[in-house]
Amino acid sequence: MKESVKDKIIGTWKLVAWKYLDGDKEPADFFGENPLGILTYDASGYMNAQLMKSARANFTSESLTGGSAEEIKDAYLSYAGYWGKYYERIPGELVHEVEGSLFPNWVGHDEIRYAEITGDTLVLSTPPIYAQGKKSVFHVTWKRA
């Protein structure tokens, strides 16, 4: 039986790796070898996750709304972020109740994450998620900040 993680996850975590399993293939890096990110869980039941590729290209324009269509597409495809409430449904299974997200389809949706903590390392895994044209299982590794 899995161990409860609800008291152990509280705090801030820095992203180490974001990998996905694609069928019989080897695990691949979703945002490259050196992704950046931060994850927070607070004691009142809120969470926030921000993940991105390292070395993202700047827009040519300095305006927040001035990117070209290609620049905006690249920025969207190199960043993921969402926040909301969370709770542990059963030991090791977290439910993120998404209140806001870069990916609009997640707003108002529950995202399930399977958590394992070893020392200062947290690994969150997903059920199969549709991405890059197929369903994949993601494993996101975090180190306590």
C-alpha atoms as a PDB file:
ATOM      1  CA  MET A   1       0.000   0.000   0.000  1.00  0.00           C
ATOM      2  CA  LYS A   2       1.262   3.468  -0.890  1.00  0.00           C
ATOM      3  CA  GLU A   3       2.164   5.946   1.817  1.00  0.00           C
ATOM      4  CA  SER A   4       0.359   9.251   2.291  1.00  0.00           C
ATOM      5  CA  VAL A   5       2.262  12.258   0.910  1.00  0.00           C
ATOM      6  CA  LYS A   6      -0.119  15.064   1.990  1.00  0.00           C
ATOM      7  CA  ASP A   7       2.147  16.396   4.759  1.00  0.00           C
ATOM      8  CA  LYS A   8       5.411  15.736   2.893  1.00  0.00           C
ATOM      9  CA  ILE A   9       4.616  17.660  -0.309  1.00  0.00           C
ATOM     10  CA  ILE A  10       3.975  21.012   1.378  1.00  0.00           C
ATOM     11  CA  GLY A  11       6.597  23.515   0.242  1.00  0.00           C
ATOM     12  CA  THR A  12       8.371  24.611  -2.903  1.00  0.00           C
ATOM     13  CA  TRP A  13       9.925  22.279  -5.471  1.00  0.00           C
ATOM     14  CA  LYS A  14      12.274  23.002  -8.412  1.00  0.00           C
ATOM     15  CA  LEU A  15      11.936  21.094 -11.683  1.00  0.00           C
ATOM     16  CA  VAL A  16      14.620  18.503 -12.437  1.00  0.00           C
ATOM     17  CA  ALA A  17      13.163  16.595 -15.406  1.00  0.00           C
ATOM     18  CA  TRP A  18       9.936  16.197 -17.382  1.00  0.00           C
ATOM     19  CA  LYS A  19       9.908  12.891 -19.245  1.00  0.00           C
ATOM     20  CA  TYR A  20       7.222  10.970 -21.052  1.00  0.00           C
ATOM     21  CA  LEU A  21       6.845   7.340 -22.027  1.00  0.00           C
ATOM     22  CA  ASP A  22       5.627   6.785 -25.537  1.00  0.00           C
ATOM     23  CA  GLY A  23       4.641   3.154 -26.002  1.00  0.00           C
ATOM     24  CA  ASP A  24       7.675   0.860 -26.216  1.00  0.00           C
ATOM     25  CA  LYS A  25      10.137   3.715 -26.768  1.00  0.00           C
ATOM     26  CA  GLU A  26      12.658   4.987 -24.239  1.00  0.00           C
ATOM     27  CA  PRO A  27      11.637   7.882 -21.983  1.00  0.00           C
ATOM     28  CA  ALA A  28      12.025  11.238 -23.770  1.00  0.00           C
ATOM     29  CA  ASP A  29      12.450  14.776 -22.428  1.00  0.00           C
ATOM     30  CA  PHE A  30       9.247  16.744 -23.029  1.00  0.00           C
ATOM     31  CA  PHE A  31      10.846  20.206 -22.659  1.00  0.00           C
ATOM     32  CA  GLY A  32      14.447  19.245 -23.450  1.00  0.00           C
ATOM     33  CA  GLU A  33      17.258  18.182 -21.152  1.00  0.00           C
ATOM     34  CA  ASN A  34      17.286  21.238 -18.868  1.00  0.00           C
ATOM     35  CA  PRO A  35      13.710  22.372 -18.257  1.00  0.00           C
ATOM     36  CA  LEU A  36      12.949  25.032 -15.669  1.00  0.00           C
ATOM     37  CA  GLY A  37      10.050  25.129 -13.285  1.00  0.00           C
ATOM     38  CA  ILE A  38       8.620  25.598  -9.858  1.00  0.00           C
ATOM     39  CA  LEU A  39       5.874  23.758  -8.008  1.00  0.00           C
ATOM     40  CA  THR A  40       4.305  24.821  -4.731  1.00  0.00           C
ATOM     41  CA  TYR A  41       1.892  23.108  -2.402  1.00  0.00           C
ATOM     42  CA  ASP A  42       0.687  25.082   0.603  1.00  0.00           C
ATOM     43  CA  ALA A  43      -0.878  23.902   3.844  1.00  0.00           C
ATOM     44  CA  SER A  44      -4.223  25.516   3.021  1.00  0.00           C
ATOM     45  CA  GLY A  45      -4.738  23.261  -0.020  1.00  0.00           C
ATOM     46  CA  TYR A  46      -3.527  25.353  -2.967  1.00  0.00           C
ATOM     47  CA  MET A  47      -0.971  24.344  -5.591  1.00  0.00           C
ATOM     48  CA  ASN A  48       0.781  26.097  -8.472  1.00  0.00           C
ATOM     49  CA  ALA A  49       2.927  24.530 -11.225  1.00  0.00           C
ATOM     50  CA  GLN A  50       4.982  26.474 -13.795  1.00  0.00           C
ATOM     51  CA  LEU A  51       7.220  24.612 -16.277  1.00  0.00           C
ATOM     52  CA  MET A  52       9.156  25.769 -19.334  1.00  0.00           C
ATOM     53  CA  LYS A  53      11.925  24.940 -21.766  1.00  0.00           C
ATOM     54  CA  SER A  54      15.222  26.607 -20.956  1.00  0.00           C
ATOM     55  CA  ALA A  55      16.569  29.217 -23.384  1.00  0.00           C
ATOM     56  CA  ARG A  56      13.183  30.183 -24.843  1.00  0.00           C
ATOM     57  CA  ALA A  57      13.404  32.651 -27.734  1.00  0.00           C
ATOM     58  CA  ASN A  58      12.481  36.266 -27.051  1.00  0.00           C
ATOM     59  CA  PHE A  59       9.855  38.053 -29.130  1.00  0.00           C
ATOM     60  CA  THR A  60      11.184  40.600 -31.596  1.00  0.00           C
ATOM     61  CA  SER A  61       8.834  43.191 -30.073  1.00  0.00           C
ATOM     62  CA  GLU A  62       9.066  44.357 -26.450  1.00  0.00           C
ATOM     63  CA  SER A  63       5.251  44.519 -26.246  1.00  0.00           C
ATOM     64  CA  LEU A  64       3.480  41.821 -24.200  1.00  0.00           C
ATOM     65  CA  THR A  65       1.016  41.466 -27.075  1.00  0.00           C
ATOM     66  CA  GLY A  66       3.424  42.151 -29.940  1.00  0.00           C
ATOM     67  CA  GLY A  67       4.673  38.679 -30.881  1.00  0.00           C
ATOM     68  CA  SER A  68       4.300  37.317 -34.380  1.00  0.00           C
ATOM     69  CA  ALA A  69       2.038  34.288 -34.865  1.00  0.00           C
ATOM     70  CA  GLU A  70       5.103  32.009 -34.949  1.00  0.00           C
ATOM     71  CA  GLU A  71       6.619  33.603 -31.828  1.00  0.00           C
ATOM     72  CA  ILE A  72       3.332  33.223 -29.943  1.00  0.00           C
ATOM     73  CA  LYS A  73       3.010  29.583 -31.037  1.00  0.00           C
ATOM     74  CA  ASP A  74       6.584  28.800 -29.950  1.00  0.00           C
ATOM     75  CA  ALA A  75       6.040  30.538 -26.592  1.00  0.00           C
ATOM     76  CA  TYR A  76       2.839  28.568 -25.966  1.00  0.00           C
ATOM     77  CA  LEU A  77       4.465  25.251 -26.921  1.00  0.00           C
ATOM     78  CA  SER A  78       7.448  25.853 -24.613  1.00  0.00           C
ATOM     79  CA  TYR A  79       5.517  26.672 -21.423  1.00  0.00           C
ATOM     80  CA  ALA A  80       3.008  24.932 -19.193  1.00  0.00           C
ATOM     81  CA  GLY A  81       1.375  26.335 -16.117  1.00  0.00           C
ATOM     82  CA  TYR A  82      -1.682  25.839 -13.950  1.00  0.00           C
ATOM     83  CA  TRP A  83      -2.956  26.377 -10.410  1.00  0.00           C
ATOM     84  CA  GLY A  84      -5.819  25.470  -8.125  1.00  0.00           C
ATOM     85  CA  LYS A  85      -6.809  23.486  -5.055  1.00  0.00           C
ATOM     86  CA  TYR A  86      -5.434  20.031  -4.333  1.00  0.00           C
ATOM     87  CA  TYR A  87      -6.135  17.104  -2.061  1.00  0.00           C
ATOM     88  CA  GLU A  88      -4.931  13.533  -1.596  1.00  0.00           C
ATOM     89  CA  ARG A  89      -7.769  11.183  -2.594  1.00  0.00           C
ATOM     90  CA  ILE A  90      -5.971   7.994  -1.537  1.00  0.00           C
ATOM     91  CA  PRO A  91      -2.377   7.624  -0.316  1.00  0.00           C
ATOM     92  CA  GLY A  92      -0.071   8.829  -3.088  1.00  0.00           C
ATOM     93  CA  GLU A  93      -2.857   9.983  -5.437  1.00  0.00           C
ATOM     94  CA  LEU A  94      -3.230  13.752  -5.674  1.00  0.00           C
ATOM     95  CA  VAL A  95      -6.145  15.531  -7.295  1.00  0.00           C
ATOM     96  CA  HIS A  96      -5.367  18.985  -8.691  1.00  0.00           C
ATOM     97  CA  GLU A  97      -8.639  20.905  -9.085  1.00  0.00           C
ATOM     98  CA  VAL A  98      -7.549  23.272 -11.849  1.00  0.00           C
ATOM     99  CA  GLU A  99      -8.784  26.864 -11.474  1.00  0.00           C
ATOM    100  CA  GLY A 100      -6.510  28.444 -14.089  1.00  0.00           C
ATOM    101  CA  SER A 101      -4.245  27.086 -16.822  1.00  0.00           C
ATOM    102  CA  LEU A 102      -2.351  28.106 -19.946  1.00  0.00           C
ATOM    103  CA  PHE A 103      -4.147  25.124 -21.549  1.00  0.00           C
ATOM    104  CA  PRO A 104      -7.788  26.285 -21.360  1.00  0.00           C
ATOM    105  CA  ASN A 105      -9.231  22.753 -21.504  1.00  0.00           C
ATOM    106  CA  TRP A 106      -7.911  22.037 -17.998  1.00  0.00           C
ATOM    107  CA  VAL A 107      -9.808  24.905 -16.309  1.00  0.00           C
ATOM    108  CA  GLY A 108     -12.519  23.388 -14.111  1.00  0.00           C
ATOM    109  CA  HIS A 109     -11.048  19.911 -14.639  1.00  0.00           C
ATOM    110  CA  ASP A 110      -9.416  17.572 -12.109  1.00  0.00           C
ATOM    111  CA  GLU A 111      -5.877  16.489 -12.976  1.00  0.00           C
ATOM    112  CA  ILE A 112      -4.682  13.294 -11.277  1.00  0.00           C
ATOM    113  CA  ARG A 113      -1.052  12.928 -10.206  1.00  0.00           C
ATOM    114  CA  TYR A 114       0.582   9.899  -8.596  1.00  0.00           C
ATOM    115  CA  ALA A 115       3.194  11.080  -6.101  1.00  0.00           C
ATOM    116  CA  GLU A 116       6.272   9.346  -4.759  1.00  0.00           C
ATOM    117  CA  ILE A 117       8.720  11.060  -2.417  1.00  0.00           C
ATOM    118  CA  THR A 118      12.213   9.780  -1.717  1.00  0.00           C
ATOM    119  CA  GLY A 119      14.294  12.100   0.437  1.00  0.00           C
ATOM    120  CA  ASP A 120      14.157  15.550  -1.182  1.00  0.00           C
ATOM    121  CA  THR A 121      12.888  14.220  -4.528  1.00  0.00           C
ATOM    122  CA  LEU A 122       9.252  14.200  -5.622  1.00  0.00           C
ATOM    123  CA  VAL A 123       8.139  12.336  -8.745  1.00  0.00           C
ATOM    124  CA  LEU A 124       4.660  13.089 -10.069  1.00  0.00           C
ATOM    125  CA  SER A 125       3.305  10.713 -12.706  1.00  0.00           C
ATOM    126  CA  THR A 126       0.158  11.026 -14.768  1.00  0.00           C
ATOM    127  CA  PRO A 127      -2.424   8.655 -16.099  1.00  0.00           C
ATOM    128  CA  PRO A 128      -2.166   8.578 -19.914  1.00  0.00           C
ATOM    129  CA  ILE A 129      -2.533  12.133 -21.275  1.00  0.00           C
ATOM    130  CA  TYR A 130      -3.154  13.019 -24.910  1.00  0.00           C
ATOM    131  CA  ALA A 131      -0.119  15.000 -26.178  1.00  0.00           C
ATOM    132  CA  GLN A 132       1.853  15.189 -29.398  1.00  0.00           C
ATOM    133  CA  GLY A 133      -0.854  13.256 -31.247  1.00  0.00           C
ATOM    134  CA  LYS A 134      -0.995  10.241 -28.909  1.00  0.00           C
ATOM    135  CA  LYS A 135      -1.532   9.212 -25.309  1.00  0.00           C
ATOM    136  CA  SER A 136       1.579   9.279 -23.157  1.00  0.00           C
ATOM    137  CA  VAL A 137       2.432   8.852 -19.476  1.00  0.00           C
ATOM    138  CA  PHE A 138       4.435  11.720 -17.983  1.00  0.00           C
ATOM    139  CA  HIS A 139       6.926  11.545 -15.110  1.00  0.00           C
ATOM    140  CA  VAL A 140       7.919  14.923 -13.658  1.00  0.00           C
ATOM    141  CA  THR A 141      10.807  14.972 -11.188  1.00  0.00           C
ATOM    142  CA  TRP A 142      11.147  17.775  -8.642  1.00  0.00           C
ATOM    143  CA  LYS A 143      13.772  18.576  -5.968  1.00  0.00           C
ATOM    144  CA  ARG A 144      12.806  20.362  -2.767  1.00  0.00           C
ATOM    145  CA  ALA A 145      13.907  24.004  -2.996  1.00  0.00           C
END
